[in-house]
Amino acid sequence: MKEISSGVTAAKGFRAAGLRAGIKAGKTNKDMAMIYSEAPAVCAGTFTRNIVKAAPVLWDKKVVEEEGRAQAVVINSGIANACTGEEGYENCAKEAEKAASLLGIGKREVLVCSTGVIGMQLDMDVVGKGIEMLVPAMKADVQSAADAAEAILTTDTHKKEIAVQCEIGGQTVVVGGMSKGSGMIHPNMGTMLAFVTSDAAIEQPLLQEILREEVEDTFNMISVDGDTSTNDTCLVLCNGMAGNDILTRDSEGLSAFREALHTVLEYLAKQIAGDGEGCTRLFEVTCHGAATKEEAKKISKAVVCSSLTKAAVFGKDANWGRILCAMGYSGASFDPEAVDIILESGEGSLVIVKDGIAADYSEETATKILSGNPVKAILDVHNGKEEATAWGCDLTYEYVKINADYRS
């Protein structure tokens, strides 16, 4: 497997575009994107478990669960189309119908996604004109993928995209993706928005199963602020144009596809965590020596979610008591007197806790290590053989500033 340039257009048969439609007046950013597969594609998705679900989430869940195939995705940023009632859902149908008529496909083959301010209705005249511009603008090149990745951003500071290729049954298979997310990030299914395209041929139920499993160790292991969005959506489309034999549970090439998908999802997840609103560095926490994988996840996620620990990382303060405290309320079982904690970055590595008490370390060295990016905390509870990694970021003054005036 190797990384290649581009994102959602890297796989055969996929085109994309991103441009400014004018979703929110007074702005200048690109705010609508489209992804299109030349051939019908099986699709899989994971969605927010927040009880309050945006209209596009309800539309996409229905398409994935009842159809299991799609050819296009329409995305807008700026307005989330969440908490918009029946009108919001009807607007999703209008979007799908408009795109379908221009692309010559069925309405139920169009997925729609939105991100932005909750509670506002979309201006369907603007959305419709945006779709009319997107369809002829779509191309299969690197720039078009980049334009699409840029158009889905809100408070993100940069676009997030990746593509990798692998060999399956003598055929080159590509998996590419793009995502957005910077705030309201505490996924409980997938991420804020993520889109993965592949030319692999695979059974739809198997794709859905693999996606759910891989999301658990990638997007579901990141947190920026502890808020699970109303719009969280992760979609995967596979159009089979690579020409490989259809992947089934018994296929030899399944592990290669799964590794490629995991690589794309983990990269996008880390990009989101490292671009948390106002953050200055990615914070990675790995728990070793847990009795079960679930216990390792609880511990690592508790630390990465701790506001006090995140603030300490921002302040470059090796306040290990906050780490141990978060481990203790995680719900996992371990002996506090058997815990080791190591801090690592490009600036070096340092043991700060040994057997549950402070090690003999230099605060100056610790501060230097905490100045790196990313910063890693390695926790060993010496209670088993399982491990897990979670990703987050530091908590800064800028986070409050961004979210104090987000709607304006």
Protein backbone atom coordinates (compact mmCIF):
# COMPACT_ATOMS: atom_id res chain seq x y z
CA MET A 1 0.00 0.00 0.00
CA LYS A 2 1.23 3.49 -0.78
CA GLU A 3 -0.12 7.01 -0.48
CA ILE A 4 -0.89 8.86 -3.69
CA SER A 5 -1.92 12.43 -4.47
CA SER A 6 -5.49 13.67 -4.46
CA GLY A 7 -8.50 12.66 -2.39
CA VAL A 8 -12.01 11.68 -3.45
CA THR A 9 -11.18 11.75 -7.19
CA ALA A 10 -8.20 9.39 -6.98
CA ALA A 11 -10.27 6.22 -7.52
CA LYS A 12 -11.43 5.33 -11.03
CA GLY A 13 -14.73 6.78 -12.12
CA PHE A 14 -15.06 9.49 -9.47
CA ARG A 15 -15.41 13.19 -10.16
CA ALA A 16 -15.84 16.11 -7.79
CA ALA A 17 -16.19 19.87 -7.58
CA GLY A 18 -16.32 22.57 -4.95
CA LEU A 19 -17.41 26.19 -5.37
CA ARG A 20 -19.19 29.14 -3.81
CA ALA A 21 -22.95 29.08 -4.12
CA GLY A 22 -23.76 31.69 -1.47
CA ILE A 23 -25.25 29.55 1.29
CA LYS A 24 -24.59 32.33 3.83
CA ALA A 25 -24.67 35.89 2.58
CA GLY A 26 -21.68 38.12 3.15
CA LYS A 27 -19.12 35.32 2.96
CA THR A 28 -16.56 34.56 0.24
CA ASN A 29 -15.64 30.92 0.93
CA LYS A 30 -16.48 27.89 -1.18
CA ASP A 31 -19.60 26.39 0.37
CA MET A 32 -20.94 23.59 -1.84
CA ALA A 33 -19.36 20.38 -3.08
CA MET A 34 -20.39 17.37 -5.11
CA ILE A 35 -18.96 13.89 -5.55
CA TYR A 36 -20.13 11.72 -8.45
CA SER A 37 -19.43 8.14 -9.51
CA GLU A 38 -19.70 7.31 -13.20
CA ALA A 39 -20.98 3.86 -12.24
CA PRO A 40 -23.51 2.93 -9.56
CA ALA A 41 -21.68 2.35 -6.27
CA VAL A 42 -22.53 0.33 -3.21
CA CYS A 43 -22.60 2.63 -0.21
CA ALA A 44 -22.19 2.32 3.53
CA GLY A 45 -22.59 4.88 6.27
CA THR A 46 -22.32 5.57 9.97
CA PHE A 47 -24.26 8.38 11.58
CA THR A 48 -24.57 10.36 14.77
CA ARG A 49 -26.14 8.70 17.78
CA ASN A 50 -27.28 12.07 19.02
CA ILE A 51 -31.08 11.85 19.46
CA VAL A 52 -31.29 15.21 17.69
CA LYS A 53 -30.46 14.26 14.10
CA ALA A 54 -30.19 16.71 11.22
CA ALA A 55 -32.47 16.23 8.21
CA PRO A 56 -29.60 15.07 5.93
CA VAL A 57 -28.71 12.35 8.44
CA LEU A 58 -32.27 11.02 8.30
CA TRP A 59 -32.22 11.13 4.48
CA ASP A 60 -28.85 9.39 4.16
CA LYS A 61 -29.68 6.70 6.73
CA LYS A 62 -32.75 5.82 4.69
CA VAL A 63 -30.76 5.62 1.44
CA VAL A 64 -27.97 3.51 2.97
CA GLU A 65 -30.29 1.14 4.82
CA GLU A 66 -32.97 0.73 2.15
CA GLU A 67 -31.05 1.15 -1.12
CA GLY A 68 -27.43 0.34 -0.26
CA ARG A 69 -26.22 2.12 -3.37
CA ALA A 70 -25.65 5.68 -4.55
CA GLN A 71 -23.95 7.64 -7.31
CA ALA A 72 -23.72 11.17 -5.99
CA VAL A 73 -23.24 13.18 -2.81
CA VAL A 74 -24.20 16.86 -2.47
CA ILE A 75 -22.70 18.77 0.47
CA ASN A 76 -23.10 22.30 1.76
CA SER A 77 -21.34 24.17 4.54
CA GLY A 78 -22.57 27.18 6.48
CA ILE A 79 -26.04 25.88 7.40
CA ALA A 80 -26.51 22.48 9.07
CA ASN A 81 -30.16 21.91 8.12
CA ALA A 82 -30.62 20.58 11.67
CA CYS A 83 -33.68 21.17 13.87
CA THR A 84 -35.55 22.29 10.75
CA GLY A 85 -38.53 19.92 10.93
CA GLU A 86 -40.50 18.62 7.96
CA GLU A 87 -39.39 21.50 5.76
CA GLY A 88 -35.75 20.60 6.33
CA TYR A 89 -36.34 16.99 5.30
CA GLU A 90 -38.32 18.05 2.24
CA ASN A 91 -35.40 20.26 1.26
CA CYS A 92 -33.13 17.19 1.31
CA ALA A 93 -35.51 15.51 -1.12
CA LYS A 94 -35.49 18.62 -3.32
CA GLU A 95 -31.68 18.64 -3.35
CA ALA A 96 -31.56 14.98 -4.32
CA GLU A 97 -34.21 15.43 -7.00
CA LYS A 98 -32.41 18.43 -8.50
CA ALA A 99 -29.05 16.65 -8.63
CA ALA A 100 -30.61 13.44 -9.94
CA SER A 101 -32.37 15.23 -12.81
CA LEU A 102 -29.13 16.89 -13.94
CA LEU A 103 -27.04 13.73 -13.57
CA GLY A 104 -29.56 11.35 -15.10
CA ILE A 105 -29.80 9.09 -12.05
CA GLY A 106 -32.47 8.23 -9.50
CA LYS A 107 -33.36 10.57 -6.64
CA ARG A 108 -32.68 7.75 -4.18
CA GLU A 109 -29.14 7.47 -5.54
CA VAL A 110 -28.22 10.91 -4.22
CA LEU A 111 -26.90 11.44 -0.70
CA VAL A 112 -26.99 14.90 0.88
CA CYS A 113 -24.96 16.37 3.74
CA SER A 114 -24.89 19.71 5.52
CA THR A 115 -22.72 21.34 8.18
CA GLY A 116 -22.84 24.71 9.87
CA VAL A 117 -25.26 26.65 12.05
CA ILE A 118 -28.12 24.67 13.61
CA GLY A 119 -31.72 25.86 13.25
CA MET A 120 -31.61 27.74 9.95
CA GLN A 121 -33.48 26.69 6.82
CA LEU A 122 -31.58 26.35 3.56
CA ASP A 123 -32.44 28.79 0.77
CA MET A 124 -33.38 26.26 -1.89
CA ASP A 125 -33.02 28.77 -4.73
CA VAL A 126 -29.37 29.19 -3.74
CA VAL A 127 -28.88 25.44 -3.26
CA GLY A 128 -30.51 24.68 -6.60
CA LYS A 129 -28.29 27.15 -8.45
CA GLY A 130 -25.29 25.70 -6.65
CA ILE A 131 -26.14 22.21 -7.90
CA GLU A 132 -26.56 23.59 -11.42
CA MET A 133 -23.02 25.01 -11.22
CA LEU A 134 -21.49 21.92 -9.62
CA VAL A 135 -22.63 19.34 -12.18
CA PRO A 136 -20.73 20.73 -15.20
CA ALA A 137 -17.79 21.76 -13.00
CA MET A 138 -16.98 18.24 -11.79
CA LYS A 139 -13.68 16.73 -12.91
CA ALA A 140 -11.53 13.75 -11.95
CA ASP A 141 -8.37 15.73 -11.25
CA VAL A 142 -6.43 16.60 -8.10
CA GLN A 143 -7.58 20.24 -8.04
CA SER A 144 -11.25 19.27 -8.16
CA ALA A 145 -10.78 16.96 -5.18
CA ALA A 146 -9.05 19.80 -3.32
CA ASP A 147 -11.86 22.23 -4.20
CA ALA A 148 -14.44 19.80 -2.83
CA ALA A 149 -12.42 19.26 0.35
CA GLU A 150 -12.20 23.03 0.84
CA ALA A 151 -15.90 23.65 0.21
CA ILE A 152 -17.07 21.47 3.12
CA LEU A 153 -15.05 23.33 5.78
CA THR A 154 -16.50 25.55 8.52
CA THR A 155 -14.14 26.58 11.33
CA ASP A 156 -11.43 24.22 10.04
CA THR A 157 -8.10 25.87 9.30
CA HIS A 158 -7.18 23.58 6.40
CA LYS A 159 -8.62 20.94 4.10
CA LYS A 160 -8.30 17.27 5.01
CA GLU A 161 -7.83 14.69 2.23
CA ILE A 162 -5.83 11.57 1.45
CA ALA A 163 -5.68 8.70 -1.05
CA VAL A 164 -3.91 5.33 -0.97
CA GLN A 165 -3.64 2.40 -3.34
CA CYS A 166 -3.13 -1.33 -2.88
CA GLU A 167 -3.12 -4.50 -4.97
CA ILE A 168 -6.09 -6.88 -4.83
CA GLY A 169 -6.17 -9.92 -7.10
CA GLY A 170 -3.69 -8.35 -9.48
CA GLN A 171 -5.70 -5.15 -9.79
CA THR A 172 -4.78 -1.74 -8.41
CA VAL A 173 -7.45 -0.56 -5.98
CA VAL A 174 -7.64 3.01 -4.71
CA VAL A 175 -9.27 4.38 -1.57
CA GLY A 176 -9.53 8.16 -1.22
CA GLY A 177 -11.24 10.42 1.23
CA MET A 178 -11.92 13.89 2.58
CA SER A 179 -13.37 15.13 5.84
CA LYS A 180 -14.17 18.23 7.84
CA GLY A 181 -14.36 18.87 11.53
CA SER A 182 -12.88 21.27 14.03
CA GLY A 183 -15.49 21.88 16.70
CA MET A 184 -18.48 19.99 18.14
CA ILE A 185 -16.29 16.91 17.79
CA HIS A 186 -16.92 13.96 20.07
CA PRO A 187 -18.08 11.38 17.53
CA ASN A 188 -20.19 8.45 18.54
CA MET A 189 -20.38 6.90 15.08
CA GLY A 190 -18.04 8.64 12.72
CA THR A 191 -16.88 12.20 12.33
CA MET A 192 -18.47 15.55 11.66
CA LEU A 193 -18.46 14.81 7.92
CA ALA A 194 -16.31 12.27 6.09
CA PHE A 195 -16.53 10.94 2.55
CA VAL A 196 -14.57 7.96 1.22
CA THR A 197 -14.51 6.80 -2.40
CA SER A 198 -13.05 3.60 -3.81
CA ASP A 199 -13.02 1.70 -7.08
CA ALA A 200 -13.01 -1.63 -5.23
CA ALA A 201 -15.73 -4.17 -5.89
CA ILE A 202 -17.19 -5.36 -2.59
CA GLU A 203 -20.47 -6.72 -1.23
CA GLN A 204 -22.54 -3.94 0.35
CA PRO A 205 -23.37 -5.70 3.65
CA LEU A 206 -19.69 -6.50 4.12
CA LEU A 207 -18.69 -2.89 3.40
CA GLN A 208 -21.18 -1.69 6.02
CA GLU A 209 -19.86 -4.15 8.57
CA ILE A 210 -16.22 -3.21 7.96
CA LEU A 211 -16.96 0.51 8.10
CA ARG A 212 -18.72 0.20 11.47
CA GLU A 213 -15.81 -1.76 12.89
CA GLU A 214 -13.09 0.55 11.55
CA VAL A 215 -14.92 3.67 12.72
CA GLU A 216 -14.72 2.35 16.29
CA ASP A 217 -10.92 2.53 16.28
CA THR A 218 -10.60 5.77 14.29
CA PHE A 219 -13.31 8.43 14.32
CA ASN A 220 -14.85 7.17 17.54
CA MET A 221 -11.48 7.61 19.26
CA ILE A 222 -11.19 11.35 18.71
CA SER A 223 -12.54 14.28 20.70
CA VAL A 224 -12.10 18.04 20.53
CA ASP A 225 -14.72 19.36 22.93
CA GLY A 226 -16.95 16.53 24.10
CA ASP A 227 -19.93 17.59 21.96
CA THR A 228 -21.47 14.99 19.63
CA SER A 229 -22.82 16.80 16.57
CA THR A 230 -26.33 16.55 15.15
CA ASN A 231 -24.85 16.03 11.67
CA ASP A 232 -22.11 13.41 12.12
CA THR A 233 -21.91 11.37 8.92
CA CYS A 234 -19.32 9.07 7.39
CA LEU A 235 -20.10 7.73 3.91
CA VAL A 236 -18.20 5.22 1.77
CA LEU A 237 -18.92 4.63 -1.93
CA CYS A 238 -17.34 1.72 -3.86
CA ASN A 239 -18.07 1.55 -7.59
CA GLY A 240 -16.17 -1.64 -8.56
CA MET A 241 -14.36 0.01 -11.48
CA ALA A 242 -10.95 -1.35 -10.40
CA GLY A 243 -12.03 -4.66 -11.90
CA ASN A 244 -11.20 -6.90 -8.94
CA ASP A 245 -13.37 -9.88 -8.11
CA ILE A 246 -16.13 -8.80 -5.74
CA LEU A 247 -14.75 -8.92 -2.22
CA THR A 248 -16.55 -11.28 0.12
CA ARG A 249 -15.84 -12.34 3.68
CA ASP A 250 -13.59 -15.16 2.40
CA SER A 251 -11.62 -13.14 -0.17
CA GLU A 252 -7.84 -13.07 0.17
CA GLY A 253 -7.78 -9.40 -0.82
CA LEU A 254 -10.16 -8.31 1.91
CA SER A 255 -7.39 -7.62 4.41
CA ALA A 256 -5.62 -5.31 1.92
CA PHE A 257 -8.81 -3.32 1.32
CA ARG A 258 -9.49 -3.14 5.02
CA GLU A 259 -5.97 -1.88 5.74
CA ALA A 260 -6.35 0.81 3.06
CA LEU A 261 -9.72 1.91 4.45
CA HIS A 262 -8.33 2.00 7.99
CA THR A 263 -5.37 4.10 6.86
CA VAL A 264 -7.67 6.66 5.24
CA LEU A 265 -10.06 6.82 8.21
CA GLU A 266 -7.28 7.10 10.80
CA TYR A 267 -5.51 9.83 8.85
CA LEU A 268 -8.70 11.87 8.52
CA ALA A 269 -9.55 11.33 12.20
CA LYS A 270 -6.13 12.56 13.32
CA GLN A 271 -6.39 15.54 10.98
CA ILE A 272 -9.66 16.52 12.63
CA ALA A 273 -8.31 16.10 16.16
CA GLY A 274 -5.19 18.09 15.32
CA ASP A 275 -7.27 20.91 13.81
CA GLY A 276 -9.56 21.35 16.81
CA GLU A 277 -10.89 24.86 17.16
CA GLY A 278 -8.16 27.12 18.50
CA CYS A 279 -5.76 24.27 19.19
CA THR A 280 -1.99 24.46 18.89
CA ARG A 281 -1.13 20.77 18.88
CA LEU A 282 -2.44 17.25 18.44
CA PHE A 283 -2.65 15.27 21.70
CA GLU A 284 -2.33 11.48 21.31
CA VAL A 285 -2.96 9.11 24.23
CA THR A 286 -2.15 5.39 24.13
CA CYS A 287 -3.05 3.01 26.92
CA HIS A 288 -1.02 -0.20 27.14
CA GLY A 289 -1.43 -3.21 29.39
CA ALA A 290 -5.20 -3.12 29.82
CA ALA A 291 -7.24 -6.22 30.64
CA THR A 292 -9.53 -5.68 27.61
CA LYS A 293 -9.61 -3.52 24.51
CA GLU A 294 -12.69 -1.76 25.87
CA GLU A 295 -10.87 -0.87 29.11
CA ALA A 296 -7.92 0.50 27.11
CA LYS A 297 -10.35 2.63 25.08
CA LYS A 298 -12.05 3.97 28.21
CA ILE A 299 -8.73 5.03 29.73
CA SER A 300 -7.21 6.65 26.66
CA LYS A 301 -10.44 8.46 25.74
CA ALA A 302 -10.96 9.74 29.30
CA VAL A 303 -7.52 11.36 29.28
CA VAL A 304 -7.84 12.86 25.81
CA CYS A 305 -11.26 14.29 26.77
CA SER A 306 -10.16 15.79 30.10
CA SER A 307 -10.47 19.59 29.92
CA LEU A 308 -7.92 19.97 32.72
CA THR A 309 -5.39 17.75 30.93
CA LYS A 310 -6.01 19.52 27.61
CA ALA A 311 -5.41 22.88 29.32
CA ALA A 312 -2.19 21.54 30.85
CA VAL A 313 -0.97 20.46 27.42
CA PHE A 314 -1.65 23.96 26.12
CA GLY A 315 0.29 25.41 29.06
CA LYS A 316 3.14 22.91 28.53
CA ASP A 317 2.65 21.86 32.14
CA ALA A 318 3.46 18.21 32.97
CA ASN A 319 0.57 18.02 35.45
CA TRP A 320 0.47 14.23 35.57
CA GLY A 321 -2.06 14.28 38.42
CA ARG A 322 -4.72 15.35 35.95
CA ILE A 323 -3.88 12.41 33.70
CA LEU A 324 -4.03 9.90 36.55
CA CYS A 325 -7.27 11.47 37.77
CA ALA A 326 -8.91 11.08 34.35
CA MET A 327 -7.76 7.48 34.18
CA GLY A 328 -9.37 6.90 37.56
CA TYR A 329 -12.84 8.11 36.57
CA SER A 330 -12.77 6.39 33.17
CA GLY A 331 -14.71 3.40 34.48
CA ALA A 332 -11.85 0.99 33.78
CA SER A 333 -10.35 -1.23 36.47
CA PHE A 334 -6.63 -0.97 37.24
CA ASP A 335 -4.23 -0.63 40.15
CA PRO A 336 -3.23 3.05 40.53
CA GLU A 337 0.04 1.97 42.13
CA ALA A 338 1.05 0.05 39.00
CA VAL A 339 0.67 2.92 36.51
CA ASP A 340 3.53 4.30 34.41
CA ILE A 341 3.16 7.51 32.37
CA ILE A 342 5.53 8.67 29.64
CA LEU A 343 5.40 11.94 27.67
CA GLU A 344 6.77 11.95 24.12
CA SER A 345 7.13 14.32 21.18
CA GLY A 346 9.71 15.19 18.57
CA GLU A 347 11.57 16.89 21.42
CA GLY A 348 12.20 13.62 23.28
CA SER A 349 10.71 11.13 25.72
CA LEU A 350 10.35 11.32 29.48
CA VAL A 351 9.00 9.06 32.24
CA ILE A 352 6.99 11.29 34.58
CA VAL A 353 5.18 8.63 36.65
CA LYS A 354 6.51 5.24 37.76
CA ASP A 355 4.41 2.81 39.79
CA GLY A 356 1.77 5.45 40.42
CA ILE A 357 4.04 8.13 41.88
CA ALA A 358 6.14 10.95 40.46
CA ALA A 359 9.38 9.89 38.81
CA ASP A 360 12.57 11.88 39.18
CA TYR A 361 12.29 14.09 36.10
CA SER A 362 13.19 17.58 34.96
CA GLU A 363 10.28 20.01 34.66
CA GLU A 364 12.31 21.93 32.09
CA THR A 365 12.68 18.80 29.96
CA ALA A 366 8.98 18.04 30.34
CA THR A 367 8.06 21.53 29.16
CA LYS A 368 10.31 21.14 26.15
CA ILE A 369 8.64 17.85 25.24
CA LEU A 370 5.19 19.38 25.65
CA SER A 371 6.20 22.09 23.20
CA GLY A 372 6.32 19.53 20.37
CA ASN A 373 3.53 18.62 17.99
CA PRO A 374 2.10 16.08 18.32
CA VAL A 375 2.36 15.46 22.05
CA LYS A 376 1.92 11.85 23.13
CA ALA A 377 1.03 10.43 26.53
CA ILE A 378 1.82 6.74 26.90
CA LEU A 379 0.04 5.05 29.78
CA ASP A 380 0.80 1.53 31.01
CA VAL A 381 -1.54 0.03 33.61
CA HIS A 382 0.21 -3.38 33.70
CA ASN A 383 -3.09 -5.24 33.87
CA GLY A 384 -3.15 -7.22 30.63
CA LYS A 385 -2.11 -7.17 26.97
CA GLU A 386 -4.68 -4.92 25.29
CA GLU A 387 -4.08 -1.37 24.07
CA ALA A 388 -5.91 1.52 22.40
CA THR A 389 -5.13 5.02 21.13
CA ALA A 390 -7.26 8.16 21.26
CA TRP A 391 -6.63 11.56 19.68
CA GLY A 392 -7.55 15.05 20.78
CA CYS A 393 -5.96 18.47 21.11
CA ASP A 394 -5.07 21.12 23.64
CA LEU A 395 -7.66 23.55 25.02
CA THR A 396 -6.85 27.20 24.37
CA TYR A 397 -8.26 30.69 24.87
CA GLU A 398 -9.01 30.77 21.15
CA TYR A 399 -11.50 27.91 21.47
CA VAL A 400 -13.74 30.06 23.67
CA LYS A 401 -13.38 33.03 21.34
CA ILE A 402 -14.35 31.02 18.26
CA ASN A 403 -17.43 29.52 19.89
CA ALA A 404 -18.56 32.71 21.61
CA ASP A 405 -19.38 34.32 18.26
CA TYR A 406 -19.77 31.29 15.95
CA ARG A 407 -23.18 32.27 14.55
CA SER A 408 -21.95 35.68 13.45
